[in-house]
Amino acid sequence: MTQATAPAVEIRDLQKFYGTYHALRSINLTVGRGEKVVICGPSGSGKSTMIRCINRLEEHDGGMIRVLGTELNDDIGNIDEIRQDVGMVFQHFNLFPHMTVLENCTLAPMLVRKKSQAEAEAIARGYLEKVRIPDQADKFPGQLSGGQQQRVAIARALCMKPEILLFDEPTSALDPEMIAEVLDVMGTLAAEGMTMICVTHEMGFARKVADRVIFMDQGEIVEEGSPDAFFDAPRNDRTRRFLSQILGTETGQAQALRRVGPQEMPTTAC
């Protein structure tokens, strides 16, 4: 198997500790290229830790992570190479407040991809158009709404032309009226074939967009399956309890999720 044919992400027996706390326990996961995976679970279940290990924001303590055919290790060149191809969108945007929207989007392409300023600005303006905020290019993050800032963060990640996008609870810091505009952009990216691994409790989004839904608890993958199987017939008691808590009822809400339209996806705060 060559790098070109390798899965987007391969994880085998992944272990992560914080002191004596065992945060990730023998995680095994393969994500195919173009696949959309949603990860959900209670707070402290290891969801964010796992995806942060994928681009080495967290170092794992055991097991193997291979991204686009390259195994993560302590070689800093290897890590930098991976980060060029793996974009990440954070819960709290992580924009530079002293830079304009355009400057936030052009910084990495110029420094890492070695694009000229003109090239980087052309790319950035194209992606700002894609996320539907081209008129905000010269503003500073503090002048934007939360939903607009998160769309800038998505555009910034796209400017690096990544092969994989990681989303770490991208809507949990947003007011309810701003969530739909971010989910709409994410849905567009999914429809275009972007490989996406998304930690979220937006179950309407998971039902509509995901190829696979994963439930984590206590540092383990407890259950995974297609959206229909996951929501309609969860096998594990922990999964059923989680869905009951987050959706209200297991059956009525699941039926509602199946009927939901693209502009009607219900939102649930993380």
C-alpha atoms as a PDB file:
ATOM      1  CA  MET A   1       0.000   0.000   0.000  1.00  0.00           C
ATOM      2  CA  THR A   2       1.409   3.365  -1.061  1.00  0.00           C
ATOM      3  CA  GLN A   3       0.856   6.749   0.551  1.00  0.00           C
ATOM      4  CA  ALA A   4      -1.508   7.614  -2.287  1.00  0.00           C
ATOM      5  CA  THR A   5      -3.740   4.597  -1.560  1.00  0.00           C
ATOM      6  CA  ALA A   6      -3.427   4.570   2.234  1.00  0.00           C
ATOM      7  CA  PRO A   7      -6.430   5.480   4.392  1.00  0.00           C
ATOM      8  CA  ALA A   8      -6.666   9.064   5.567  1.00  0.00           C
ATOM      9  CA  VAL A   9      -6.120   8.046   9.191  1.00  0.00           C
ATOM     10  CA  GLU A  10      -5.135   4.758  10.812  1.00  0.00           C
ATOM     11  CA  ILE A  11      -5.024   4.417  14.595  1.00  0.00           C
ATOM     12  CA  ARG A  12      -3.954   1.217  16.324  1.00  0.00           C
ATOM     13  CA  ASP A  13      -3.973   0.544  20.085  1.00  0.00           C
ATOM     14  CA  LEU A  14      -3.689   4.272  20.859  1.00  0.00           C
ATOM     15  CA  GLN A  15      -2.854   5.128  24.476  1.00  0.00           C
ATOM     16  CA  LYS A  16      -2.729   8.536  26.141  1.00  0.00           C
ATOM     17  CA  PHE A  17      -2.027   9.394  29.783  1.00  0.00           C
ATOM     18  CA  TYR A  18      -2.154  12.632  31.737  1.00  0.00           C
ATOM     19  CA  GLY A  19      -0.071  11.654  34.729  1.00  0.00           C
ATOM     20  CA  THR A  20      -1.843   8.596  36.099  1.00  0.00           C
ATOM     21  CA  TYR A  21      -5.100   9.384  34.287  1.00  0.00           C
ATOM     22  CA  HIS A  22      -5.659   7.031  31.354  1.00  0.00           C
ATOM     23  CA  ALA A  23      -7.316   9.351  28.813  1.00  0.00           C
ATOM     24  CA  LEU A  24      -7.286   7.058  25.747  1.00  0.00           C
ATOM     25  CA  ARG A  25      -7.489   3.287  26.064  1.00  0.00           C
ATOM     26  CA  SER A  26      -6.548   1.069  23.126  1.00  0.00           C
ATOM     27  CA  ILE A  27      -8.238   3.158  20.432  1.00  0.00           C
ATOM     28  CA  ASN A  28      -8.489   1.483  17.023  1.00  0.00           C
ATOM     29  CA  LEU A  29      -9.885   3.476  14.119  1.00  0.00           C
ATOM     30  CA  THR A  30      -9.508   3.694  10.346  1.00  0.00           C
ATOM     31  CA  VAL A  31     -10.927   6.641   8.406  1.00  0.00           C
ATOM     32  CA  GLY A  32     -11.050   6.334   4.636  1.00  0.00           C
ATOM     33  CA  ARG A  33     -10.313   9.174   2.248  1.00  0.00           C
ATOM     34  CA  GLY A  34     -13.429  11.221   1.693  1.00  0.00           C
ATOM     35  CA  GLU A  35     -15.166   9.708   4.712  1.00  0.00           C
ATOM     36  CA  LYS A  36     -17.117  11.883   7.142  1.00  0.00           C
ATOM     37  CA  VAL A  37     -16.900  10.663  10.743  1.00  0.00           C
ATOM     38  CA  VAL A  38     -18.728  12.252  13.680  1.00  0.00           C
ATOM     39  CA  ILE A  39     -17.484  11.522  17.198  1.00  0.00           C
ATOM     40  CA  CYS A  40     -19.757  12.121  20.171  1.00  0.00           C
ATOM     41  CA  GLY A  41     -19.739  11.284  23.851  1.00  0.00           C
ATOM     42  CA  PRO A  42     -19.907  12.844  27.302  1.00  0.00           C
ATOM     43  CA  SER A  43     -17.419  15.427  28.528  1.00  0.00           C
ATOM     44  CA  GLY A  44     -14.077  13.868  29.412  1.00  0.00           C
ATOM     45  CA  SER A  45     -14.596  10.833  27.186  1.00  0.00           C
ATOM     46  CA  GLY A  46     -11.420  11.456  25.156  1.00  0.00           C
ATOM     47  CA  LYS A  47     -12.991  12.766  21.937  1.00  0.00           C
ATOM     48  CA  SER A  48     -10.973  15.972  21.650  1.00  0.00           C
ATOM     49  CA  THR A  49      -7.816  14.304  22.931  1.00  0.00           C
ATOM     50  CA  MET A  50      -8.013  11.714  20.177  1.00  0.00           C
ATOM     51  CA  ILE A  51      -8.345  14.170  17.309  1.00  0.00           C
ATOM     52  CA  ARG A  52      -5.648  16.411  18.798  1.00  0.00           C
ATOM     53  CA  CYS A  53      -3.332  13.399  18.661  1.00  0.00           C
ATOM     54  CA  ILE A  54      -4.006  13.077  14.929  1.00  0.00           C
ATOM     55  CA  ASN A  55      -2.129  16.287  14.158  1.00  0.00           C
ATOM     56  CA  ARG A  56       0.240  15.980  17.100  1.00  0.00           C
ATOM     57  CA  LEU A  57      -1.162  18.813  19.202  1.00  0.00           C
ATOM     58  CA  GLU A  58      -1.104  16.058  21.821  1.00  0.00           C
ATOM     59  CA  GLU A  59       1.602  13.402  21.845  1.00  0.00           C
ATOM     60  CA  HIS A  60       0.339   9.859  22.283  1.00  0.00           C
ATOM     61  CA  ASP A  61       2.016   7.542  24.779  1.00  0.00           C
ATOM     62  CA  GLY A  62       1.524   4.238  23.036  1.00  0.00           C
ATOM     63  CA  GLY A  63       0.195   2.651  19.891  1.00  0.00           C
ATOM     64  CA  MET A  64       0.394   3.942  16.328  1.00  0.00           C
ATOM     65  CA  ILE A  65      -1.101   6.814  14.343  1.00  0.00           C
ATOM     66  CA  ARG A  66      -0.623   6.929  10.589  1.00  0.00           C
ATOM     67  CA  VAL A  67      -1.921   9.911   8.610  1.00  0.00           C
ATOM     68  CA  LEU A  68      -2.075   9.736   4.804  1.00  0.00           C
ATOM     69  CA  GLY A  69       0.328   6.813   4.947  1.00  0.00           C
ATOM     70  CA  THR A  70       2.913   8.516   7.166  1.00  0.00           C
ATOM     71  CA  GLU A  71       3.381   7.378  10.752  1.00  0.00           C
ATOM     72  CA  LEU A  72       3.574  10.106  13.369  1.00  0.00           C
ATOM     73  CA  ASN A  73       6.793  10.061  15.354  1.00  0.00           C
ATOM     74  CA  ASP A  74       9.199  12.432  17.069  1.00  0.00           C
ATOM     75  CA  ASP A  75      10.741  13.652  13.794  1.00  0.00           C
ATOM     76  CA  ILE A  76       9.759  17.342  13.718  1.00  0.00           C
ATOM     77  CA  GLY A  77       9.976  17.396   9.920  1.00  0.00           C
ATOM     78  CA  ASN A  78       7.491  14.564   9.753  1.00  0.00           C
ATOM     79  CA  ILE A  79       5.113  16.401  12.096  1.00  0.00           C
ATOM     80  CA  ASP A  80       5.304  19.632  10.123  1.00  0.00           C
ATOM     81  CA  GLU A  81       4.586  17.715   6.921  1.00  0.00           C
ATOM     82  CA  ILE A  82       1.475  16.149   8.431  1.00  0.00           C
ATOM     83  CA  ARG A  83       0.178  19.452   9.741  1.00  0.00           C
ATOM     84  CA  GLN A  84       0.292  20.924   6.248  1.00  0.00           C
ATOM     85  CA  ASP A  85      -2.261  18.356   5.114  1.00  0.00           C
ATOM     86  CA  VAL A  86      -4.447  18.210   8.234  1.00  0.00           C
ATOM     87  CA  GLY A  87      -6.475  21.326   8.979  1.00  0.00           C
ATOM     88  CA  MET A  88      -8.110  21.887  12.353  1.00  0.00           C
ATOM     89  CA  VAL A  89     -11.031  24.055  13.405  1.00  0.00           C
ATOM     90  CA  PHE A  90     -11.219  24.770  17.118  1.00  0.00           C
ATOM     91  CA  GLN A  91     -14.091  25.420  19.496  1.00  0.00           C
ATOM     92  CA  HIS A  92     -12.956  28.970  20.281  1.00  0.00           C
ATOM     93  CA  PHE A  93     -11.827  29.959  16.746  1.00  0.00           C
ATOM     94  CA  ASN A  94      -8.148  30.625  17.707  1.00  0.00           C
ATOM     95  CA  LEU A  95      -7.885  33.600  15.362  1.00  0.00           C
ATOM     96  CA  PHE A  96      -5.158  36.200  15.830  1.00  0.00           C
ATOM     97  CA  PRO A  97      -7.058  39.226  17.200  1.00  0.00           C
ATOM     98  CA  HIS A  98      -4.470  41.779  16.014  1.00  0.00           C
ATOM     99  CA  MET A  99      -4.661  40.585  12.394  1.00  0.00           C
ATOM    100  CA  THR A 100      -7.401  41.192   9.871  1.00  0.00           C
ATOM    101  CA  VAL A 101      -9.455  38.310   8.556  1.00  0.00           C
ATOM    102  CA  LEU A 102      -7.402  38.314   5.355  1.00  0.00           C
ATOM    103  CA  GLU A 103      -4.119  38.328   7.283  1.00  0.00           C
ATOM    104  CA  ASN A 104      -5.306  35.417   9.438  1.00  0.00           C
ATOM    105  CA  CYS A 105      -6.022  33.441   6.287  1.00  0.00           C
ATOM    106  CA  THR A 106      -2.800  34.255   4.412  1.00  0.00           C
ATOM    107  CA  LEU A 107      -0.267  33.776   7.218  1.00  0.00           C
ATOM    108  CA  ALA A 108       0.176  29.996   7.033  1.00  0.00           C
ATOM    109  CA  PRO A 109       0.129  29.698   3.226  1.00  0.00           C
ATOM    110  CA  MET A 110       2.892  32.311   3.035  1.00  0.00           C
ATOM    111  CA  LEU A 111       5.020  30.898   5.876  1.00  0.00           C
ATOM    112  CA  VAL A 112       4.475  27.176   5.339  1.00  0.00           C
ATOM    113  CA  ARG A 113       3.421  26.731   1.709  1.00  0.00           C
ATOM    114  CA  LYS A 114       5.754  29.562   0.613  1.00  0.00           C
ATOM    115  CA  LYS A 115       3.051  31.297  -1.391  1.00  0.00           C
ATOM    116  CA  SER A 116       3.591  34.877  -2.461  1.00  0.00           C
ATOM    117  CA  GLN A 117       1.379  37.468  -0.811  1.00  0.00           C
ATOM    118  CA  ALA A 118      -0.606  37.872  -4.019  1.00  0.00           C
ATOM    119  CA  GLU A 119      -1.113  34.110  -4.356  1.00  0.00           C
ATOM    120  CA  ALA A 120      -2.075  33.738  -0.695  1.00  0.00           C
ATOM    121  CA  GLU A 121      -4.542  36.615  -0.860  1.00  0.00           C
ATOM    122  CA  ALA A 122      -6.181  35.203  -3.982  1.00  0.00           C
ATOM    123  CA  ILE A 123      -6.586  31.822  -2.277  1.00  0.00           C
ATOM    124  CA  ALA A 124      -7.904  33.443   0.900  1.00  0.00           C
ATOM    125  CA  ARG A 125     -10.454  35.586  -0.890  1.00  0.00           C
ATOM    126  CA  GLY A 126     -11.676  32.522  -2.747  1.00  0.00           C
ATOM    127  CA  TYR A 127     -12.304  30.617   0.468  1.00  0.00           C
ATOM    128  CA  LEU A 128     -13.863  33.621   2.203  1.00  0.00           C
ATOM    129  CA  GLU A 129     -16.269  33.674  -0.728  1.00  0.00           C
ATOM    130  CA  LYS A 130     -16.877  29.955  -0.233  1.00  0.00           C
ATOM    131  CA  VAL A 131     -17.825  30.415   3.428  1.00  0.00           C
ATOM    132  CA  ARG A 132     -19.961  33.406   2.441  1.00  0.00           C
ATOM    133  CA  ILE A 133     -18.128  36.248   4.168  1.00  0.00           C
ATOM    134  CA  PRO A 134     -16.020  37.869   1.403  1.00  0.00           C
ATOM    135  CA  ASP A 135     -16.977  41.335   2.623  1.00  0.00           C
ATOM    136  CA  GLN A 136     -15.346  40.734   6.023  1.00  0.00           C
ATOM    137  CA  ALA A 137     -11.772  40.373   4.714  1.00  0.00           C
ATOM    138  CA  ASP A 138     -10.494  43.691   6.068  1.00  0.00           C
ATOM    139  CA  LYS A 139     -12.160  43.476   9.471  1.00  0.00           C
ATOM    140  CA  PHE A 140     -10.601  42.220  12.692  1.00  0.00           C
ATOM    141  CA  PRO A 141     -11.992  39.119  14.448  1.00  0.00           C
ATOM    142  CA  GLY A 142     -13.391  41.190  17.307  1.00  0.00           C
ATOM    143  CA  GLN A 143     -15.652  42.999  14.848  1.00  0.00           C
ATOM    144  CA  LEU A 144     -17.366  39.766  13.786  1.00  0.00           C
ATOM    145  CA  SER A 145     -20.069  37.580  15.284  1.00  0.00           C
ATOM    146  CA  GLY A 146     -19.139  34.176  16.655  1.00  0.00           C
ATOM    147  CA  GLY A 147     -20.573  32.447  13.611  1.00  0.00           C
ATOM    148  CA  GLN A 148     -18.586  34.692  11.297  1.00  0.00           C
ATOM    149  CA  GLN A 149     -15.394  34.071  13.275  1.00  0.00           C
ATOM    150  CA  GLN A 150     -15.874  30.317  13.022  1.00  0.00           C
ATOM    151  CA  ARG A 151     -16.393  30.600   9.266  1.00  0.00           C
ATOM    152  CA  VAL A 152     -13.136  32.576   9.098  1.00  0.00           C
ATOM    153  CA  ALA A 153     -11.480  29.734  11.019  1.00  0.00           C
ATOM    154  CA  ILE A 154     -12.802  27.236   8.475  1.00  0.00           C
ATOM    155  CA  ALA A 155     -11.606  29.412   5.580  1.00  0.00           C
ATOM    156  CA  ARG A 156      -8.200  29.740   7.230  1.00  0.00           C
ATOM    157  CA  ALA A 157      -7.895  25.959   7.499  1.00  0.00           C
ATOM    158  CA  LEU A 158      -8.960  25.527   3.860  1.00  0.00           C
ATOM    159  CA  CYS A 159      -6.334  28.014   2.667  1.00  0.00           C
ATOM    160  CA  MET A 160      -3.677  25.384   3.375  1.00  0.00           C
ATOM    161  CA  LYS A 161      -5.443  23.030   0.918  1.00  0.00           C
ATOM    162  CA  PRO A 162      -5.618  20.210   3.494  1.00  0.00           C
ATOM    163  CA  GLU A 163      -6.630  16.663   2.658  1.00  0.00           C
ATOM    164  CA  ILE A 164      -8.247  16.168   6.077  1.00  0.00           C
ATOM    165  CA  LEU A 165     -10.210  18.571   8.261  1.00  0.00           C
ATOM    166  CA  LEU A 166     -10.576  18.027  12.001  1.00  0.00           C
ATOM    167  CA  PHE A 167     -13.361  19.849  13.841  1.00  0.00           C
ATOM    168  CA  ASP A 168     -13.218  20.063  17.645  1.00  0.00           C
ATOM    169  CA  GLU A 169     -16.719  21.027  18.821  1.00  0.00           C
ATOM    170  CA  PRO A 170     -16.932  23.834  16.247  1.00  0.00           C
ATOM    171  CA  THR A 171     -20.386  25.045  17.296  1.00  0.00           C
ATOM    172  CA  SER A 172     -20.339  24.643  21.084  1.00  0.00           C
ATOM    173  CA  ALA A 173     -19.190  28.235  21.724  1.00  0.00           C
ATOM    174  CA  LEU A 174     -21.812  29.742  19.411  1.00  0.00           C
ATOM    175  CA  ASP A 175     -25.204  31.224  20.133  1.00  0.00           C
ATOM    176  CA  PRO A 176     -28.016  29.004  18.786  1.00  0.00           C
ATOM    177  CA  GLU A 177     -28.878  31.348  15.922  1.00  0.00           C
ATOM    178  CA  MET A 178     -25.285  31.178  14.645  1.00  0.00           C
ATOM    179  CA  ILE A 179     -24.934  27.401  14.669  1.00  0.00           C
ATOM    180  CA  ALA A 180     -26.855  26.747  11.453  1.00  0.00           C
ATOM    181  CA  GLU A 181     -24.605  28.984   9.338  1.00  0.00           C
ATOM    182  CA  VAL A 182     -21.497  27.060  10.453  1.00  0.00           C
ATOM    183  CA  LEU A 183     -23.136  23.654   9.989  1.00  0.00           C
ATOM    184  CA  ASP A 184     -24.247  24.730   6.518  1.00  0.00           C
ATOM    185  CA  VAL A 185     -20.639  25.454   5.509  1.00  0.00           C
ATOM    186  CA  MET A 186     -19.503  22.135   6.989  1.00  0.00           C
ATOM    187  CA  GLY A 187     -22.254  20.333   5.099  1.00  0.00           C
ATOM    188  CA  THR A 188     -21.085  21.897   1.845  1.00  0.00           C
ATOM    189  CA  LEU A 189     -17.516  20.706   2.474  1.00  0.00           C
ATOM    190  CA  ALA A 190     -18.787  17.214   3.238  1.00  0.00           C
ATOM    191  CA  ALA A 191     -20.810  17.127   0.017  1.00  0.00           C
ATOM    192  CA  GLU A 192     -17.688  18.108  -1.925  1.00  0.00           C
ATOM    193  CA  GLY A 193     -15.822  15.058  -0.607  1.00  0.00           C
ATOM    194  CA  MET A 194     -13.603  16.519   2.105  1.00  0.00           C
ATOM    195  CA  THR A 195     -12.345  13.959   4.624  1.00  0.00           C
ATOM    196  CA  MET A 196     -13.794  15.161   7.929  1.00  0.00           C
ATOM    197  CA  ILE A 197     -13.480  14.001  11.526  1.00  0.00           C
ATOM    198  CA  CYS A 198     -15.821  16.053  13.654  1.00  0.00           C
ATOM    199  CA  VAL A 199     -16.281  16.049  17.414  1.00  0.00           C
ATOM    200  CA  THR A 200     -19.765  17.414  17.949  1.00  0.00           C
ATOM    201  CA  HIS A 201     -23.080  16.892  19.702  1.00  0.00           C
ATOM    202  CA  GLU A 202     -25.010  18.280  16.731  1.00  0.00           C
ATOM    203  CA  MET A 203     -26.962  15.101  16.133  1.00  0.00           C
ATOM    204  CA  GLY A 204     -28.974  16.489  13.227  1.00  0.00           C
ATOM    205  CA  PHE A 205     -25.700  17.171  11.424  1.00  0.00           C
ATOM    206  CA  ALA A 206     -24.467  13.668  12.254  1.00  0.00           C
ATOM    207  CA  ARG A 207     -27.635  12.062  10.927  1.00  0.00           C
ATOM    208  CA  LYS A 208     -27.571  14.070   7.701  1.00  0.00           C
ATOM    209  CA  VAL A 209     -23.868  14.270   6.842  1.00  0.00           C
ATOM    210  CA  ALA A 210     -21.844  11.524   8.552  1.00  0.00           C
ATOM    211  CA  ASP A 211     -20.886   8.251   6.937  1.00  0.00           C
ATOM    212  CA  ARG A 212     -20.184   6.885  10.407  1.00  0.00           C
ATOM    213  CA  VAL A 213     -20.964   7.943  13.969  1.00  0.00           C
ATOM    214  CA  ILE A 214     -18.690   6.971  16.861  1.00  0.00           C
ATOM    215  CA  PHE A 215     -19.597   7.073  20.547  1.00  0.00           C
ATOM    216  CA  MET A 216     -16.753   7.396  23.054  1.00  0.00           C
ATOM    217  CA  ASP A 217     -16.872   7.052  26.831  1.00  0.00           C
ATOM    218  CA  GLN A 218     -14.131   6.784  29.454  1.00  0.00           C
ATOM    219  CA  GLY A 219     -11.381   6.900  26.837  1.00  0.00           C
ATOM    220  CA  GLU A 220     -12.773   4.076  24.721  1.00  0.00           C
ATOM    221  CA  ILE A 221     -14.694   3.680  21.489  1.00  0.00           C
ATOM    222  CA  VAL A 222     -17.866   2.081  22.806  1.00  0.00           C
ATOM    223  CA  GLU A 223     -19.895   1.897  19.609  1.00  0.00           C
ATOM    224  CA  GLU A 224     -19.742   2.923  15.964  1.00  0.00           C
ATOM    225  CA  GLY A 225     -21.983   2.505  12.987  1.00  0.00           C
ATOM    226  CA  SER A 226     -23.879   4.162  10.190  1.00  0.00           C
ATOM    227  CA  PRO A 227     -26.138   7.040  11.286  1.00  0.00           C
ATOM    228  CA  ASP A 228     -29.256   4.910  10.799  1.00  0.00           C
ATOM    229  CA  ALA A 229     -27.875   2.045  12.888  1.00  0.00           C
ATOM    230  CA  PHE A 230     -26.418   4.345  15.517  1.00  0.00           C
ATOM    231  CA  PHE A 231     -29.559   6.394  16.129  1.00  0.00           C
ATOM    232  CA  ASP A 232     -32.259   3.791  15.463  1.00  0.00           C
ATOM    233  CA  ALA A 233     -30.723   0.677  17.019  1.00  0.00           C
ATOM    234  CA  PRO A 234     -27.799   1.459  19.365  1.00  0.00           C
ATOM    235  CA  ARG A 235     -26.405  -1.770  20.776  1.00  0.00           C
ATOM    236  CA  ASN A 236     -24.662  -0.577  23.939  1.00  0.00           C
ATOM    237  CA  ASP A 237     -26.417   0.565  27.120  1.00  0.00           C
ATOM    238  CA  ARG A 238     -24.016   3.507  27.483  1.00  0.00           C
ATOM    239  CA  THR A 239     -24.832   4.667  23.966  1.00  0.00           C
ATOM    240  CA  ARG A 240     -28.557   4.425  24.625  1.00  0.00           C
ATOM    241  CA  ARG A 241     -28.255   6.416  27.855  1.00  0.00           C
ATOM    242  CA  PHE A 242     -26.218   9.117  26.108  1.00  0.00           C
ATOM    243  CA  LEU A 243     -28.679   9.452  23.243  1.00  0.00           C
ATOM    244  CA  SER A 244     -31.593   9.511  25.656  1.00  0.00           C
ATOM    245  CA  GLN A 245     -29.991  12.357  27.596  1.00  0.00           C
ATOM    246  CA  ILE A 246     -28.920  14.433  24.619  1.00  0.00           C
ATOM    247  CA  LEU A 247     -31.971  13.890  22.436  1.00  0.00           C
ATOM    248  CA  GLY A 248     -34.687  13.576  25.056  1.00  0.00           C
ATOM    249  CA  THR A 249     -36.049  10.253  23.836  1.00  0.00           C
ATOM    250  CA  GLU A 250     -34.351   7.548  21.832  1.00  0.00           C
ATOM    251  CA  THR A 251     -37.154   6.810  19.383  1.00  0.00           C
ATOM    252  CA  GLY A 252     -39.105  10.007  18.847  1.00  0.00           C
ATOM    253  CA  GLN A 253     -36.016  12.147  18.386  1.00  0.00           C
ATOM    254  CA  ALA A 254     -34.400   9.581  16.103  1.00  0.00           C
ATOM    255  CA  GLN A 255     -37.469   9.647  13.883  1.00  0.00           C
ATOM    256  CA  ALA A 256     -37.368  13.437  13.846  1.00  0.00           C
ATOM    257  CA  LEU A 257     -33.711  13.353  12.869  1.00  0.00           C
ATOM    258  CA  ARG A 258     -34.508  11.107   9.924  1.00  0.00           C
ATOM    259  CA  ARG A 259     -37.138  13.518   8.647  1.00  0.00           C
ATOM    260  CA  VAL A 260     -35.090  16.654   9.094  1.00  0.00           C
ATOM    261  CA  GLY A 261     -34.342  18.799   6.037  1.00  0.00           C
ATOM    262  CA  PRO A 262     -31.116  20.647   5.187  1.00  0.00           C
ATOM    263  CA  GLN A 263     -32.373  23.947   6.607  1.00  0.00           C
ATOM    264  CA  GLU A 264     -34.036  22.371   9.656  1.00  0.00           C
ATOM    265  CA  MET A 265     -31.247  20.490  11.378  1.00  0.00           C
ATOM    266  CA  PRO A 266     -31.880  20.648  15.139  1.00  0.00           C
ATOM    267  CA  THR A 267     -29.024  21.818  17.294  1.00  0.00           C
ATOM    268  CA  THR A 268     -27.993  20.676  20.723  1.00  0.00           C
ATOM    269  CA  ALA A 269     -25.346  22.468  22.715  1.00  0.00           C
ATOM    270  CA  CYS A 270     -22.310  20.436  23.664  1.00  0.00           C
END
